[in-house]
Amino acid sequence: MAKSKFHNIKVKGFDSKKEAKRYLELMAMYKAGEISKPNKQVPFELIPSQYIGKKCVERAVKYIADFTYYKNNELVVEDVKSAFTKQLPVYILKRKLMLFIHKIQIKEV
């Protein structure tokens, strides 16, 4: 079995134990009526595909949120991050683009 990039352990379809635990917490919050419309692995387009003529020369850049839900009628976008992955340059850039383009500040848990 190949090791994951960040040495996390996949659990029940989630990329890490921490992400699986957070999913269970969110489902409990949903059942208690604290949040609504929970979703997982939600894509947000940050930069559209680039074309020259009809040929795609650059694919779209997307950020995929671990979870989204509504709390007090406001959209919450969550990403389960370790101290290490919070500091990755690609993640930091996507976090900043989410705020700039979609006016959404990612909640890191």
PDB file of N, CA and C in Angstrom:
ATOM      1  N   MET A   1       0.833  -1.186   0.000  1.00  0.00           N
ATOM      2  CA  MET A   1       0.000   0.000   0.000  1.00  0.00           C
ATOM      3  C   MET A   1       0.878   1.250   0.000  1.00  0.00           C
ATOM      4  N   ALA A   2       0.601   2.187  -0.901  1.00  0.00           N
ATOM      5  CA  ALA A   2       1.389   3.407  -1.006  1.00  0.00           C
ATOM      6  C   ALA A   2       1.069   4.356   0.148  1.00  0.00           C
ATOM      7  N   LYS A   3       2.095   5.047   0.635  1.00  0.00           N
ATOM      8  CA  LYS A   3       1.889   6.033   1.687  1.00  0.00           C
ATOM      9  C   LYS A   3       1.255   7.284   1.090  1.00  0.00           C
ATOM     10  N   SER A   4       0.422   7.960   1.893  1.00  0.00           N
ATOM     11  CA  SER A   4      -0.178   9.199   1.413  1.00  0.00           C
ATOM     12  C   SER A   4       0.863  10.313   1.438  1.00  0.00           C
ATOM     13  N   LYS A   5       0.584  11.355   0.713  1.00  0.00           N
ATOM     14  CA  LYS A   5       1.529  12.460   0.566  1.00  0.00           C
ATOM     15  C   LYS A   5       1.899  13.082   1.921  1.00  0.00           C
ATOM     16  N   PHE A   6       0.917  13.198   2.815  1.00  0.00           N
ATOM     17  CA  PHE A   6       1.155  13.859   4.096  1.00  0.00           C
ATOM     18  C   PHE A   6       1.122  12.879   5.271  1.00  0.00           C
ATOM     19  N   HIS A   7       1.252  11.575   4.986  1.00  0.00           N
ATOM     20  CA  HIS A   7       1.295  10.508   5.992  1.00  0.00           C
ATOM     21  C   HIS A   7       0.024  10.405   6.830  1.00  0.00           C
ATOM     22  N   ASN A   8      -1.091  10.868   6.283  1.00  0.00           N
ATOM     23  CA  ASN A   8      -2.370  10.715   6.964  1.00  0.00           C
ATOM     24  C   ASN A   8      -2.943   9.340   6.633  1.00  0.00           C
ATOM     25  N   ILE A   9      -3.872   8.910   7.450  1.00  0.00           N
ATOM     26  CA  ILE A   9      -4.496   7.602   7.265  1.00  0.00           C
ATOM     27  C   ILE A   9      -5.918   7.809   6.768  1.00  0.00           C
ATOM     28  N   LYS A  10      -6.221   7.243   5.590  1.00  0.00           N
ATOM     29  CA  LYS A  10      -7.571   7.363   5.035  1.00  0.00           C
ATOM     30  C   LYS A  10      -8.537   6.517   5.867  1.00  0.00           C
ATOM     31  N   VAL A  11      -9.721   7.095   6.123  1.00  0.00           N
ATOM     32  CA  VAL A  11     -10.725   6.438   6.953  1.00  0.00           C
ATOM     33  C   VAL A  11     -12.090   6.577   6.301  1.00  0.00           C
ATOM     34  N   LYS A  12     -12.728   5.464   5.974  1.00  0.00           N
ATOM     35  CA  LYS A  12     -14.105   5.447   5.460  1.00  0.00           C
ATOM     36  C   LYS A  12     -14.356   6.487   4.373  1.00  0.00           C
ATOM     37  N   GLY A  13     -13.457   6.574   3.393  1.00  0.00           N
ATOM     38  CA  GLY A  13     -13.645   7.494   2.282  1.00  0.00           C
ATOM     39  C   GLY A  13     -13.171   8.908   2.530  1.00  0.00           C
ATOM     40  N   PHE A  14     -12.613   9.163   3.689  1.00  0.00           N
ATOM     41  CA  PHE A  14     -12.087  10.494   3.995  1.00  0.00           C
ATOM     42  C   PHE A  14     -10.574  10.450   3.934  1.00  0.00           C
ATOM     43  N   ASP A  15      -9.958  11.612   3.682  1.00  0.00           N
ATOM     44  CA  ASP A  15      -8.510  11.674   3.513  1.00  0.00           C
ATOM     45  C   ASP A  15      -7.728  11.539   4.818  1.00  0.00           C
ATOM     46  N   SER A  16      -8.410  11.691   5.953  1.00  0.00           N
ATOM     47  CA  SER A  16      -7.712  11.573   7.232  1.00  0.00           C
ATOM     48  C   SER A  16      -8.689  11.221   8.349  1.00  0.00           C
ATOM     49  N   LYS A  17      -8.137  10.776   9.469  1.00  0.00           N
ATOM     50  CA  LYS A  17      -8.956  10.504  10.654  1.00  0.00           C
ATOM     51  C   LYS A  17      -9.622  11.788  11.127  1.00  0.00           C
ATOM     52  N   LYS A  18      -8.870  12.883  11.067  1.00  0.00           N
ATOM     53  CA  LYS A  18      -9.384  14.179  11.518  1.00  0.00           C
ATOM     54  C   LYS A  18     -10.587  14.613  10.671  1.00  0.00           C
ATOM     55  N   GLU A  19     -10.509  14.389   9.359  1.00  0.00           N
ATOM     56  CA  GLU A  19     -11.614  14.753   8.470  1.00  0.00           C
ATOM     57  C   GLU A  19     -12.838  13.877   8.731  1.00  0.00           C
ATOM     58  N   ALA A  20     -12.624  12.582   8.954  1.00  0.00           N
ATOM     59  CA  ALA A  20     -13.738  11.674   9.262  1.00  0.00           C
ATOM     60  C   ALA A  20     -14.405  12.061  10.578  1.00  0.00           C
ATOM     61  N   LYS A  21     -13.603  12.433  11.560  1.00  0.00           N
ATOM     62  CA  LYS A  21     -14.144  12.864  12.860  1.00  0.00           C
ATOM     63  C   LYS A  21     -14.973  14.138  12.700  1.00  0.00           C
ATOM     64  N   ARG A  22     -14.465  15.077  11.908  1.00  0.00           N
ATOM     65  CA  ARG A  22     -15.192  16.329  11.696  1.00  0.00           C
ATOM     66  C   ARG A  22     -16.521  16.079  10.997  1.00  0.00           C
ATOM     67  N   TYR A  23     -16.544  15.140  10.055  1.00  0.00           N
ATOM     68  CA  TYR A  23     -17.782  14.797   9.366  1.00  0.00           C
ATOM     69  C   TYR A  23     -18.831  14.309  10.372  1.00  0.00           C
ATOM     70  N   LEU A  24     -18.431  13.451  11.296  1.00  0.00           N
ATOM     71  CA  LEU A  24     -19.363  12.953  12.318  1.00  0.00           C
ATOM     72  C   LEU A  24     -19.867  14.088  13.201  1.00  0.00           C
ATOM     73  N   GLU A  25     -18.987  15.031  13.527  1.00  0.00           N
ATOM     74  CA  GLU A  25     -19.400  16.196  14.322  1.00  0.00           C
ATOM     75  C   GLU A  25     -20.428  17.029  13.557  1.00  0.00           C
ATOM     76  N   LEU A  26     -20.178  17.257  12.281  1.00  0.00           N
ATOM     77  CA  LEU A  26     -21.107  18.048  11.471  1.00  0.00           C
ATOM     78  C   LEU A  26     -22.458  17.345  11.328  1.00  0.00           C
ATOM     79  N   MET A  27     -22.440  16.026  11.172  1.00  0.00           N
ATOM     80  CA  MET A  27     -23.700  15.289  11.061  1.00  0.00           C
ATOM     81  C   MET A  27     -24.504  15.375  12.359  1.00  0.00           C
ATOM     82  N   ALA A  28     -23.826  15.364  13.492  1.00  0.00           N
ATOM     83  CA  ALA A  28     -24.511  15.535  14.782  1.00  0.00           C
ATOM     84  C   ALA A  28     -25.102  16.939  14.877  1.00  0.00           C
ATOM     85  N   MET A  29     -24.373  17.939  14.407  1.00  0.00           N
ATOM     86  CA  MET A  29     -24.876  19.313  14.400  1.00  0.00           C
ATOM     87  C   MET A  29     -26.089  19.441  13.476  1.00  0.00           C
ATOM     88  N   TYR A  30     -26.048  18.743  12.347  1.00  0.00           N
ATOM     89  CA  TYR A  30     -27.161  18.756  11.399  1.00  0.00           C
ATOM     90  C   TYR A  30     -28.406  18.121  12.024  1.00  0.00           C
ATOM     91  N   LYS A  31     -28.236  16.973  12.651  1.00  0.00           N
ATOM     92  CA  LYS A  31     -29.365  16.285  13.293  1.00  0.00           C
ATOM     93  C   LYS A  31     -29.950  17.100  14.434  1.00  0.00           C
ATOM     94  N   ALA A  32     -29.102  17.901  15.093  1.00  0.00           N
ATOM     95  CA  ALA A  32     -29.559  18.745  16.196  1.00  0.00           C
ATOM     96  C   ALA A  32     -30.176  20.051  15.693  1.00  0.00           C
ATOM     97  N   GLY A  33     -30.135  20.282  14.372  1.00  0.00           N
ATOM     98  CA  GLY A  33     -30.718  21.488  13.799  1.00  0.00           C
ATOM     99  C   GLY A  33     -29.826  22.717  13.894  1.00  0.00           C
ATOM    100  N   GLU A  34     -28.545  22.517  14.217  1.00  0.00           N
ATOM    101  CA  GLU A  34     -27.621  23.642  14.358  1.00  0.00           C
ATOM    102  C   GLU A  34     -27.107  24.141  13.010  1.00  0.00           C
ATOM    103  N   ILE A  35     -27.057  23.249  12.010  1.00  0.00           N
ATOM    104  CA  ILE A  35     -26.620  23.617  10.667  1.00  0.00           C
ATOM    105  C   ILE A  35     -27.588  23.009   9.653  1.00  0.00           C
ATOM    106  N   SER A  36     -27.526  23.493   8.420  1.00  0.00           N
ATOM    107  CA  SER A  36     -28.371  22.923   7.363  1.00  0.00           C
ATOM    108  C   SER A  36     -27.542  22.735   6.092  1.00  0.00           C
ATOM    109  N   LYS A  37     -28.077  21.955   5.189  1.00  0.00           N
ATOM    110  CA  LYS A  37     -27.497  21.689   3.873  1.00  0.00           C
ATOM    111  C   LYS A  37     -26.010  21.298   3.908  1.00  0.00           C
ATOM    112  N   PRO A  38     -25.637  20.317   4.730  1.00  0.00           N
ATOM    113  CA  PRO A  38     -24.230  19.908   4.749  1.00  0.00           C
ATOM    114  C   PRO A  38     -23.844  19.170   3.469  1.00  0.00           C
ATOM    115  N   ASN A  39     -22.653  19.465   2.969  1.00  0.00           N
ATOM    116  CA  ASN A  39     -22.102  18.803   1.786  1.00  0.00           C
ATOM    117  C   ASN A  39     -20.622  18.561   2.004  1.00  0.00           C
ATOM    118  N   LYS A  40     -20.086  17.589   1.272  1.00  0.00           N
ATOM    119  CA  LYS A  40     -18.643  17.343   1.341  1.00  0.00           C
ATOM    120  C   LYS A  40     -18.050  17.373  -0.060  1.00  0.00           C
ATOM    121  N   GLN A  41     -16.765  17.731  -0.126  1.00  0.00           N
ATOM    122  CA  GLN A  41     -16.004  17.791  -1.374  1.00  0.00           C
ATOM    123  C   GLN A  41     -16.687  18.686  -2.416  1.00  0.00           C
ATOM    124  N   VAL A  42     -16.891  19.933  -2.057  1.00  0.00           N
ATOM    125  CA  VAL A  42     -17.578  20.902  -2.913  1.00  0.00           C
ATOM    126  C   VAL A  42     -16.548  21.721  -3.695  1.00  0.00           C
ATOM    127  N   PRO A  43     -16.614  21.690  -5.048  1.00  0.00           N
ATOM    128  CA  PRO A  43     -15.644  22.447  -5.847  1.00  0.00           C
ATOM    129  C   PRO A  43     -16.059  23.907  -6.040  1.00  0.00           C
ATOM    130  N   PHE A  44     -15.058  24.785  -6.028  1.00  0.00           N
ATOM    131  CA  PHE A  44     -15.230  26.203  -6.329  1.00  0.00           C
ATOM    132  C   PHE A  44     -14.220  26.553  -7.412  1.00  0.00           C
ATOM    133  N   GLU A  45     -14.675  27.160  -8.498  1.00  0.00           N
ATOM    134  CA  GLU A  45     -13.755  27.557  -9.561  1.00  0.00           C
ATOM    135  C   GLU A  45     -13.063  28.855  -9.173  1.00  0.00           C
ATOM    136  N   LEU A  46     -11.736  28.850  -9.271  1.00  0.00           N
ATOM    137  CA  LEU A  46     -10.941  30.030  -8.940  1.00  0.00           C
ATOM    138  C   LEU A  46     -10.453  30.744 -10.187  1.00  0.00           C
ATOM    139  N   ILE A  47     -10.051  29.979 -11.189  1.00  0.00           N
ATOM    140  CA  ILE A  47      -9.622  30.533 -12.474  1.00  0.00           C
ATOM    141  C   ILE A  47     -10.238  29.648 -13.550  1.00  0.00           C
ATOM    142  N   PRO A  48     -10.982  30.219 -14.496  1.00  0.00           N
ATOM    143  CA  PRO A  48     -11.604  29.394 -15.541  1.00  0.00           C
ATOM    144  C   PRO A  48     -10.568  28.824 -16.509  1.00  0.00           C
ATOM    145  N   SER A  49     -10.979  27.821 -17.261  1.00  0.00           N
ATOM    146  CA  SER A  49     -10.120  27.269 -18.314  1.00  0.00           C
ATOM    147  C   SER A  49      -9.752  28.371 -19.289  1.00  0.00           C
ATOM    148  N   GLN A  50      -8.560  28.278 -19.852  1.00  0.00           N
ATOM    149  CA  GLN A  50      -8.071  29.287 -20.791  1.00  0.00           C
ATOM    150  C   GLN A  50      -8.010  28.668 -22.183  1.00  0.00           C
ATOM    151  N   TYR A  51      -8.549  29.377 -23.156  1.00  0.00           N
ATOM    152  CA  TYR A  51      -8.617  28.882 -24.530  1.00  0.00           C
ATOM    153  C   TYR A  51      -7.890  29.820 -25.476  1.00  0.00           C
ATOM    154  N   ILE A  52      -7.267  29.233 -26.468  1.00  0.00           N
ATOM    155  CA  ILE A  52      -6.765  29.971 -27.626  1.00  0.00           C
ATOM    156  C   ILE A  52      -7.516  29.372 -28.805  1.00  0.00           C
ATOM    157  N   GLY A  53      -8.383  30.179 -29.381  1.00  0.00           N
ATOM    158  CA  GLY A  53      -9.299  29.639 -30.390  1.00  0.00           C
ATOM    159  C   GLY A  53     -10.232  28.671 -29.687  1.00  0.00           C
ATOM    160  N   LYS A  54     -10.319  27.457 -30.196  1.00  0.00           N
ATOM    161  CA  LYS A  54     -11.164  26.444 -29.568  1.00  0.00           C
ATOM    162  C   LYS A  54     -10.362  25.454 -28.735  1.00  0.00           C
ATOM    163  N   LYS A  55      -9.049  25.683 -28.667  1.00  0.00           N
ATOM    164  CA  LYS A  55      -8.187  24.747 -27.955  1.00  0.00           C
ATOM    165  C   LYS A  55      -7.969  25.212 -26.515  1.00  0.00           C
ATOM    166  N   CYS A  56      -8.234  24.304 -25.575  1.00  0.00           N
ATOM    167  CA  CYS A  56      -7.983  24.589 -24.162  1.00  0.00           C
ATOM    168  C   CYS A  56      -6.476  24.469 -23.911  1.00  0.00           C
ATOM    169  N   VAL A  57      -5.861  25.580 -23.506  1.00  0.00           N
ATOM    170  CA  VAL A  57      -4.415  25.571 -23.259  1.00  0.00           C
ATOM    171  C   VAL A  57      -4.089  25.503 -21.766  1.00  0.00           C
ATOM    172  N   GLU A  58      -5.047  25.836 -20.923  1.00  0.00           N
ATOM    173  CA  GLU A  58      -4.888  25.721 -19.467  1.00  0.00           C
ATOM    174  C   GLU A  58      -6.225  25.313 -18.861  1.00  0.00           C
ATOM    175  N   ARG A  59      -6.192  24.254 -18.066  1.00  0.00           N
ATOM    176  CA  ARG A  59      -7.422  23.821 -17.390  1.00  0.00           C
ATOM    177  C   ARG A  59      -7.765  24.771 -16.250  1.00  0.00           C
ATOM    178  N   ALA A  60      -9.004  24.728 -15.828  1.00  0.00           N
ATOM    179  CA  ALA A  60      -9.465  25.564 -14.727  1.00  0.00           C
ATOM    180  C   ALA A  60      -8.729  25.204 -13.440  1.00  0.00           C
ATOM    181  N   VAL A  61      -8.612  26.193 -12.563  1.00  0.00           N
ATOM    182  CA  VAL A  61      -8.050  25.976 -11.235  1.00  0.00           C
ATOM    183  C   VAL A  61      -9.225  25.974 -10.267  1.00  0.00           C
ATOM    184  N   LYS A  62      -9.308  24.919  -9.451  1.00  0.00           N
ATOM    185  CA  LYS A  62     -10.416  24.790  -8.505  1.00  0.00           C
ATOM    186  C   LYS A  62      -9.896  24.581  -7.098  1.00  0.00           C
ATOM    187  N   TYR A  63     -10.704  25.015  -6.159  1.00  0.00           N
ATOM    188  CA  TYR A  63     -10.483  24.700  -4.752  1.00  0.00           C
ATOM    189  C   TYR A  63     -11.606  23.750  -4.372  1.00  0.00           C
ATOM    190  N   ILE A  64     -11.283  22.655  -3.733  1.00  0.00           N
ATOM    191  CA  ILE A  64     -12.309  21.703  -3.302  1.00  0.00           C
ATOM    192  C   ILE A  64     -12.394  21.748  -1.786  1.00  0.00           C
ATOM    193  N   ALA A  65     -13.510  22.261  -1.304  1.00  0.00           N
ATOM    194  CA  ALA A  65     -13.732  22.376   0.135  1.00  0.00           C
ATOM    195  C   ALA A  65     -14.026  21.002   0.724  1.00  0.00           C
ATOM    196  N   ASP A  66     -13.495  20.753   1.900  1.00  0.00           N
ATOM    197  CA  ASP A  66     -13.814  19.491   2.568  1.00  0.00           C
ATOM    198  C   ASP A  66     -15.303  19.445   2.891  1.00  0.00           C
ATOM    199  N   PHE A  67     -15.829  20.544   3.444  1.00  0.00           N
ATOM    200  CA  PHE A  67     -17.243  20.596   3.830  1.00  0.00           C
ATOM    201  C   PHE A  67     -17.811  21.987   3.596  1.00  0.00           C
ATOM    202  N   THR A  68     -19.091  22.022   3.259  1.00  0.00           N
ATOM    203  CA  THR A  68     -19.845  23.276   3.252  1.00  0.00           C
ATOM    204  C   THR A  68     -21.160  23.020   3.971  1.00  0.00           C
ATOM    205  N   TYR A  69     -21.689  24.058   4.591  1.00  0.00           N
ATOM    206  CA  TYR A  69     -22.986  23.976   5.259  1.00  0.00           C
ATOM    207  C   TYR A  69     -23.458  25.397   5.532  1.00  0.00           C
ATOM    208  N   TYR A  70     -24.682  25.515   5.963  1.00  0.00           N
ATOM    209  CA  TYR A  70     -25.241  26.814   6.321  1.00  0.00           C
ATOM    210  C   TYR A  70     -25.462  26.864   7.822  1.00  0.00           C
ATOM    211  N   LYS A  71     -25.015  27.955   8.428  1.00  0.00           N
ATOM    212  CA  LYS A  71     -25.243  28.207   9.846  1.00  0.00           C
ATOM    213  C   LYS A  71     -25.780  29.623   9.951  1.00  0.00           C
ATOM    214  N   ASN A  72     -26.940  29.764  10.562  1.00  0.00           N
ATOM    215  CA  ASN A  72     -27.611  31.065  10.658  1.00  0.00           C
ATOM    216  C   ASN A  72     -27.785  31.696   9.272  1.00  0.00           C
ATOM    217  N   ASN A  73     -28.166  30.872   8.304  1.00  0.00           N
ATOM    218  CA  ASN A  73     -28.408  31.283   6.923  1.00  0.00           C
ATOM    219  C   ASN A  73     -27.179  31.826   6.201  1.00  0.00           C
ATOM    220  N   GLU A  74     -25.976  31.543   6.704  1.00  0.00           N
ATOM    221  CA  GLU A  74     -24.744  31.951   6.042  1.00  0.00           C
ATOM    222  C   GLU A  74     -23.951  30.723   5.638  1.00  0.00           C
ATOM    223  N   LEU A  75     -23.396  30.754   4.420  1.00  0.00           N
ATOM    224  CA  LEU A  75     -22.579  29.656   3.927  1.00  0.00           C
ATOM    225  C   LEU A  75     -21.265  29.591   4.690  1.00  0.00           C
ATOM    226  N   VAL A  76     -20.938  28.396   5.168  1.00  0.00           N
ATOM    227  CA  VAL A  76     -19.655  28.147   5.827  1.00  0.00           C
ATOM    228  C   VAL A  76     -18.895  27.147   4.967  1.00  0.00           C
ATOM    229  N   VAL A  77     -17.648  27.474   4.653  1.00  0.00           N
ATOM    230  CA  VAL A  77     -16.774  26.597   3.880  1.00  0.00           C
ATOM    231  C   VAL A  77     -15.644  26.175   4.810  1.00  0.00           C
ATOM    232  N   GLU A  78     -15.524  24.864   5.015  1.00  0.00           N
ATOM    233  CA  GLU A  78     -14.537  24.342   5.960  1.00  0.00           C
ATOM    234  C   GLU A  78     -13.489  23.495   5.263  1.00  0.00           C
ATOM    235  N   ASP A  79     -12.278  23.587   5.775  1.00  0.00           N
ATOM    236  CA  ASP A  79     -11.200  22.720   5.325  1.00  0.00           C
ATOM    237  C   ASP A  79     -10.511  22.173   6.563  1.00  0.00           C
ATOM    238  N   VAL A  80     -10.348  20.868   6.616  1.00  0.00           N
ATOM    239  CA  VAL A  80      -9.668  20.215   7.729  1.00  0.00           C
ATOM    240  C   VAL A  80      -8.178  20.233   7.395  1.00  0.00           C
ATOM    241  N   LYS A  81      -7.418  20.949   8.200  1.00  0.00           N
ATOM    242  CA  LYS A  81      -5.987  21.131   7.919  1.00  0.00           C
ATOM    243  C   LYS A  81      -5.151  20.827   9.155  1.00  0.00           C
ATOM    244  N   SER A  82      -3.969  20.279   8.890  1.00  0.00           N
ATOM    245  CA  SER A  82      -2.976  20.137   9.950  1.00  0.00           C
ATOM    246  C   SER A  82      -2.147  21.420   9.962  1.00  0.00           C
ATOM    247  N   ALA A  83      -1.317  21.583  10.990  1.00  0.00           N
ATOM    248  CA  ALA A  83      -0.450  22.757  11.053  1.00  0.00           C
ATOM    249  C   ALA A  83       0.455  22.805   9.829  1.00  0.00           C
ATOM    250  N   PHE A  84       0.895  21.646   9.350  1.00  0.00           N
ATOM    251  CA  PHE A  84       1.774  21.588   8.183  1.00  0.00           C
ATOM    252  C   PHE A  84       1.042  21.985   6.900  1.00  0.00           C
ATOM    253  N   THR A  85      -0.135  21.384   6.648  1.00  0.00           N
ATOM    254  CA  THR A  85      -0.819  21.650   5.381  1.00  0.00           C
ATOM    255  C   THR A  85      -1.393  23.067   5.309  1.00  0.00           C
ATOM    256  N   LYS A  86      -1.621  23.721   6.451  1.00  0.00           N
ATOM    257  CA  LYS A  86      -2.063  25.119   6.448  1.00  0.00           C
ATOM    258  C   LYS A  86      -1.001  26.030   5.848  1.00  0.00           C
ATOM    259  N   GLN A  87       0.255  25.593   5.892  1.00  0.00           N
ATOM    260  CA  GLN A  87       1.361  26.437   5.449  1.00  0.00           C
ATOM    261  C   GLN A  87       1.788  26.173   4.004  1.00  0.00           C
ATOM    262  N   LEU A  88       1.147  25.231   3.321  1.00  0.00           N
ATOM    263  CA  LEU A  88       1.533  24.914   1.950  1.00  0.00           C
ATOM    264  C   LEU A  88       1.204  26.087   1.022  1.00  0.00           C
ATOM    265  N   PRO A  89       2.160  26.518   0.192  1.00  0.00           N
ATOM    266  CA  PRO A  89       1.937  27.682  -0.682  1.00  0.00           C
ATOM    267  C   PRO A  89       0.715  27.549  -1.594  1.00  0.00           C
ATOM    268  N   VAL A  90       0.454  26.363  -2.137  1.00  0.00           N
ATOM    269  CA  VAL A  90      -0.705  26.186  -3.022  1.00  0.00           C
ATOM    270  C   VAL A  90      -1.999  26.407  -2.246  1.00  0.00           C
ATOM    271  N   TYR A  91      -2.079  25.875  -1.027  1.00  0.00           N
ATOM    272  CA  TYR A  91      -3.282  26.074  -0.221  1.00  0.00           C
ATOM    273  C   TYR A  91      -3.451  27.555   0.126  1.00  0.00           C
ATOM    274  N   ILE A  92      -2.377  28.210   0.528  1.00  0.00           N
ATOM    275  CA  ILE A  92      -2.456  29.632   0.894  1.00  0.00           C
ATOM    276  C   ILE A  92      -2.969  30.456  -0.289  1.00  0.00           C
ATOM    277  N   LEU A  93      -2.456  30.177  -1.478  1.00  0.00           N
ATOM    278  CA  LEU A  93      -2.910  30.894  -2.669  1.00  0.00           C
ATOM    279  C   LEU A  93      -4.392  30.639  -2.936  1.00  0.00           C
ATOM    280  N   LYS A  94      -4.823  29.393  -2.845  1.00  0.00           N
ATOM    281  CA  LYS A  94      -6.237  29.081  -3.081  1.00  0.00           C
ATOM    282  C   LYS A  94      -7.128  29.710  -2.010  1.00  0.00           C
ATOM    283  N   ARG A  95      -6.657  29.731  -0.760  1.00  0.00           N
ATOM    284  CA  ARG A  95      -7.415  30.372   0.322  1.00  0.00           C
ATOM    285  C   ARG A  95      -7.608  31.853   0.019  1.00  0.00           C
ATOM    286  N   LYS A  96      -6.548  32.509  -0.447  1.00  0.00           N
ATOM    287  CA  LYS A  96      -6.630  33.933  -0.774  1.00  0.00           C
ATOM    288  C   LYS A  96      -7.528  34.181  -1.981  1.00  0.00           C
ATOM    289  N   LEU A  97      -7.463  33.305  -2.985  1.00  0.00           N
ATOM    290  CA  LEU A  97      -8.333  33.435  -4.156  1.00  0.00           C
ATOM    291  C   LEU A  97      -9.796  33.231  -3.789  1.00  0.00           C
ATOM    292  N   MET A  98     -10.079  32.319  -2.866  1.00  0.00           N
ATOM    293  CA  MET A  98     -11.472  32.113  -2.421  1.00  0.00           C
ATOM    294  C   MET A  98     -12.024  33.409  -1.823  1.00  0.00           C
ATOM    295  N   LEU A  99     -11.224  34.081  -1.029  1.00  0.00           N
ATOM    296  CA  LEU A  99     -11.669  35.328  -0.414  1.00  0.00           C
ATOM    297  C   LEU A  99     -11.814  36.427  -1.461  1.00  0.00           C
ATOM    298  N   PHE A 100     -10.845  36.531  -2.362  1.00  0.00           N
ATOM    299  CA  PHE A 100     -10.870  37.584  -3.372  1.00  0.00           C
ATOM    300  C   PHE A 100     -11.996  37.398  -4.387  1.00  0.00           C
ATOM    301  N   ILE A 101     -12.157  36.182  -4.892  1.00  0.00           N
ATOM    302  CA  ILE A 101     -13.111  35.930  -5.974  1.00  0.00           C
ATOM    303  C   ILE A 101     -14.524  35.688  -5.457  1.00  0.00           C
ATOM    304  N   HIS A 102     -14.638  34.823  -4.448  1.00  0.00           N
ATOM    305  CA  HIS A 102     -15.964  34.419  -3.970  1.00  0.00           C
ATOM    306  C   HIS A 102     -16.394  35.128  -2.682  1.00  0.00           C
ATOM    307  N   LYS A 103     -15.494  35.938  -2.113  1.00  0.00           N
ATOM    308  CA  LYS A 103     -15.766  36.638  -0.845  1.00  0.00           C
ATOM    309  C   LYS A 103     -16.090  35.637   0.277  1.00  0.00           C
ATOM    310  N   ILE A 104     -15.395  34.492   0.239  1.00  0.00           N
ATOM    311  CA  ILE A 104     -15.592  33.432   1.230  1.00  0.00           C
ATOM    312  C   ILE A 104     -14.290  33.214   1.972  1.00  0.00           C
ATOM    313  N   GLN A 105     -14.359  33.359   3.295  1.00  0.00           N
ATOM    314  CA  GLN A 105     -13.205  33.074   4.127  1.00  0.00           C
ATOM    315  C   GLN A 105     -13.327  31.621   4.607  1.00  0.00           C
ATOM    316  N   ILE A 106     -12.318  30.832   4.299  1.00  0.00           N
ATOM    317  CA  ILE A 106     -12.343  29.415   4.645  1.00  0.00           C
ATOM    318  C   ILE A 106     -12.141  29.248   6.147  1.00  0.00           C
ATOM    319  N   LYS A 107     -12.990  28.433   6.745  1.00  0.00           N
ATOM    320  CA  LYS A 107     -12.842  28.099   8.159  1.00  0.00           C
ATOM    321  C   LYS A 107     -11.940  26.887   8.246  1.00  0.00           C
ATOM    322  N   GLU A 108     -10.795  27.035   8.879  1.00  0.00           N
ATOM    323  CA  GLU A 108      -9.856  25.925   9.021  1.00  0.00           C
ATOM    324  C   GLU A 108     -10.081  25.251  10.362  1.00  0.00           C
ATOM    325  N   VAL A 109     -10.262  23.931  10.310  1.00  0.00           N
ATOM    326  CA  VAL A 109     -10.472  23.169  11.551  1.00  0.00           C
ATOM    327  C   VAL A 109      -9.433  22.078  11.666  1.00  0.00           C
TER     328      VAL A 109
END
